[in-house]
């Protein structure tokens, strides 16, 4: 899988997770402006967590080809 393909997959999967979060709370049909700051923080946290999980799996599968991704996750 190329970097672009992987990024597209991560983006799609994160969008699905956000949709599932909204749907589980009965908020999928409401406008974004109706979300509270707490809701938005939870959405962001879920998306970030999903990215970290997917990136970690990619690094575990192909450690030699993902040095930039490893450095990104380890920085900070």
C-alpha atoms as a PDB file:
ATOM      1  CA  UNK A   1       0.000   0.000   0.000  1.00  0.00           C
ATOM      2  CA  UNK A   2       1.393   3.397  -0.955  1.00  0.00           C
ATOM      3  CA  UNK A   3       1.519   6.353   1.419  1.00  0.00           C
ATOM      4  CA  UNK A   4      -1.382   7.995  -0.422  1.00  0.00           C
ATOM      5  CA  UNK A   5      -3.481   4.833  -0.263  1.00  0.00           C
ATOM      6  CA  UNK A   6      -2.730   4.418   3.435  1.00  0.00           C
ATOM      7  CA  UNK A   7      -3.602   8.057   4.161  1.00  0.00           C
ATOM      8  CA  UNK A   8      -6.890   7.688   2.273  1.00  0.00           C
ATOM      9  CA  UNK A   9      -7.701   4.541   4.272  1.00  0.00           C
ATOM     10  CA  UNK A  10      -6.891   6.240   7.593  1.00  0.00           C
ATOM     11  CA  UNK A  11      -9.074   9.207   6.629  1.00  0.00           C
ATOM     12  CA  UNK A  12     -12.002   6.969   5.624  1.00  0.00           C
ATOM     13  CA  UNK A  13     -11.688   4.880   8.763  1.00  0.00           C
ATOM     14  CA  UNK A  14     -11.522   7.956  10.993  1.00  0.00           C
ATOM     15  CA  UNK A  15     -14.627   9.366   9.290  1.00  0.00           C
ATOM     16  CA  UNK A  16     -16.424   6.071   9.931  1.00  0.00           C
ATOM     17  CA  UNK A  17     -15.404   6.207  13.604  1.00  0.00           C
ATOM     18  CA  UNK A  18     -16.707   9.775  13.891  1.00  0.00           C
ATOM     19  CA  UNK A  19     -19.974   8.743  12.246  1.00  0.00           C
ATOM     20  CA  UNK A  20     -20.307   5.778  14.591  1.00  0.00           C
ATOM     21  CA  UNK A  21     -19.659   8.031  17.595  1.00  0.00           C
ATOM     22  CA  UNK A  22     -22.319  10.505  16.466  1.00  0.00           C
ATOM     23  CA  UNK A  23     -24.788   7.759  15.609  1.00  0.00           C
ATOM     24  CA  UNK A  24     -24.318   6.052  18.984  1.00  0.00           C
ATOM     25  CA  UNK A  25     -25.241   9.302  20.695  1.00  0.00           C
ATOM     26  CA  UNK A  26     -28.239   9.973  18.457  1.00  0.00           C
ATOM     27  CA  UNK A  27     -26.598  13.079  17.011  1.00  0.00           C
ATOM     28  CA  UNK A  28     -25.930  12.042  13.399  1.00  0.00           C
ATOM     29  CA  UNK A  29     -28.830  14.062  11.994  1.00  0.00           C
ATOM     30  CA  UNK A  30     -28.029  17.248  13.930  1.00  0.00           C
ATOM     31  CA  UNK A  31     -25.921  20.107  12.548  1.00  0.00           C
ATOM     32  CA  UNK A  32     -22.293  20.291  13.654  1.00  0.00           C
ATOM     33  CA  UNK A  33     -22.990  23.613  15.372  1.00  0.00           C
ATOM     34  CA  UNK A  34     -25.202  21.765  17.862  1.00  0.00           C
ATOM     35  CA  UNK A  35     -22.212  19.821  19.211  1.00  0.00           C
ATOM     36  CA  UNK A  36     -20.717  20.952  22.480  1.00  0.00           C
ATOM     37  CA  UNK A  37     -17.023  21.513  23.040  1.00  0.00           C
ATOM     38  CA  UNK A  38     -16.998  18.245  24.971  1.00  0.00           C
ATOM     39  CA  UNK A  39     -18.497  16.473  21.934  1.00  0.00           C
ATOM     40  CA  UNK A  40     -15.897  17.991  19.603  1.00  0.00           C
ATOM     41  CA  UNK A  41     -13.076  17.029  21.957  1.00  0.00           C
ATOM     42  CA  UNK A  42     -14.367  13.450  22.047  1.00  0.00           C
ATOM     43  CA  UNK A  43     -14.525  13.358  18.235  1.00  0.00           C
ATOM     44  CA  UNK A  44     -10.971  14.639  17.996  1.00  0.00           C
ATOM     45  CA  UNK A  45      -9.736  12.179  20.603  1.00  0.00           C
ATOM     46  CA  UNK A  46     -11.351   9.258  18.783  1.00  0.00           C
ATOM     47  CA  UNK A  47      -9.856  10.312  15.449  1.00  0.00           C
ATOM     48  CA  UNK A  48      -6.382  10.789  16.964  1.00  0.00           C
ATOM     49  CA  UNK A  49      -6.564   7.463  18.765  1.00  0.00           C
ATOM     50  CA  UNK A  50      -7.620   5.719  15.574  1.00  0.00           C
ATOM     51  CA  UNK A  51      -4.704   7.257  13.680  1.00  0.00           C
ATOM     52  CA  UNK A  52      -2.223   6.144  16.355  1.00  0.00           C
ATOM     53  CA  UNK A  53      -3.560   2.581  16.300  1.00  0.00           C
ATOM     54  CA  UNK A  54      -3.410   2.360  12.508  1.00  0.00           C
ATOM     55  CA  UNK A  55       0.055   3.945  12.385  1.00  0.00           C
ATOM     56  CA  UNK A  56       1.344   1.569  15.053  1.00  0.00           C
ATOM     57  CA  UNK A  57       0.031  -1.426  13.133  1.00  0.00           C
ATOM     58  CA  UNK A  58       1.647  -0.171   9.924  1.00  0.00           C
ATOM     59  CA  UNK A  59       4.983   0.306  11.690  1.00  0.00           C
ATOM     60  CA  UNK A  60       4.747  -3.191  13.208  1.00  0.00           C
ATOM     61  CA  UNK A  61       4.049  -4.739   9.792  1.00  0.00           C
ATOM     62  CA  UNK A  62       6.716  -2.790   7.885  1.00  0.00           C
ATOM     63  CA  UNK A  63       9.194  -1.258  10.352  1.00  0.00           C
ATOM     64  CA  UNK A  64      11.929  -0.658   7.785  1.00  0.00           C
ATOM     65  CA  UNK A  65       9.737   1.421   5.465  1.00  0.00           C
ATOM     66  CA  UNK A  66       8.002   3.638   8.015  1.00  0.00           C
ATOM     67  CA  UNK A  67      10.777   5.596   9.688  1.00  0.00           C
ATOM     68  CA  UNK A  68       9.069   8.954   9.137  1.00  0.00           C
ATOM     69  CA  UNK A  69       5.848   7.685  10.687  1.00  0.00           C
ATOM     70  CA  UNK A  70       7.754   6.209  13.631  1.00  0.00           C
ATOM     71  CA  UNK A  71       9.585   9.501  14.198  1.00  0.00           C
ATOM     72  CA  UNK A  72       6.297  11.392  14.022  1.00  0.00           C
ATOM     73  CA  UNK A  73       4.683   9.190  16.664  1.00  0.00           C
ATOM     74  CA  UNK A  74       7.747   9.269  18.914  1.00  0.00           C
ATOM     75  CA  UNK A  75       8.223  13.059  18.752  1.00  0.00           C
ATOM     76  CA  UNK A  76       6.652  15.093  21.476  1.00  0.00           C
END
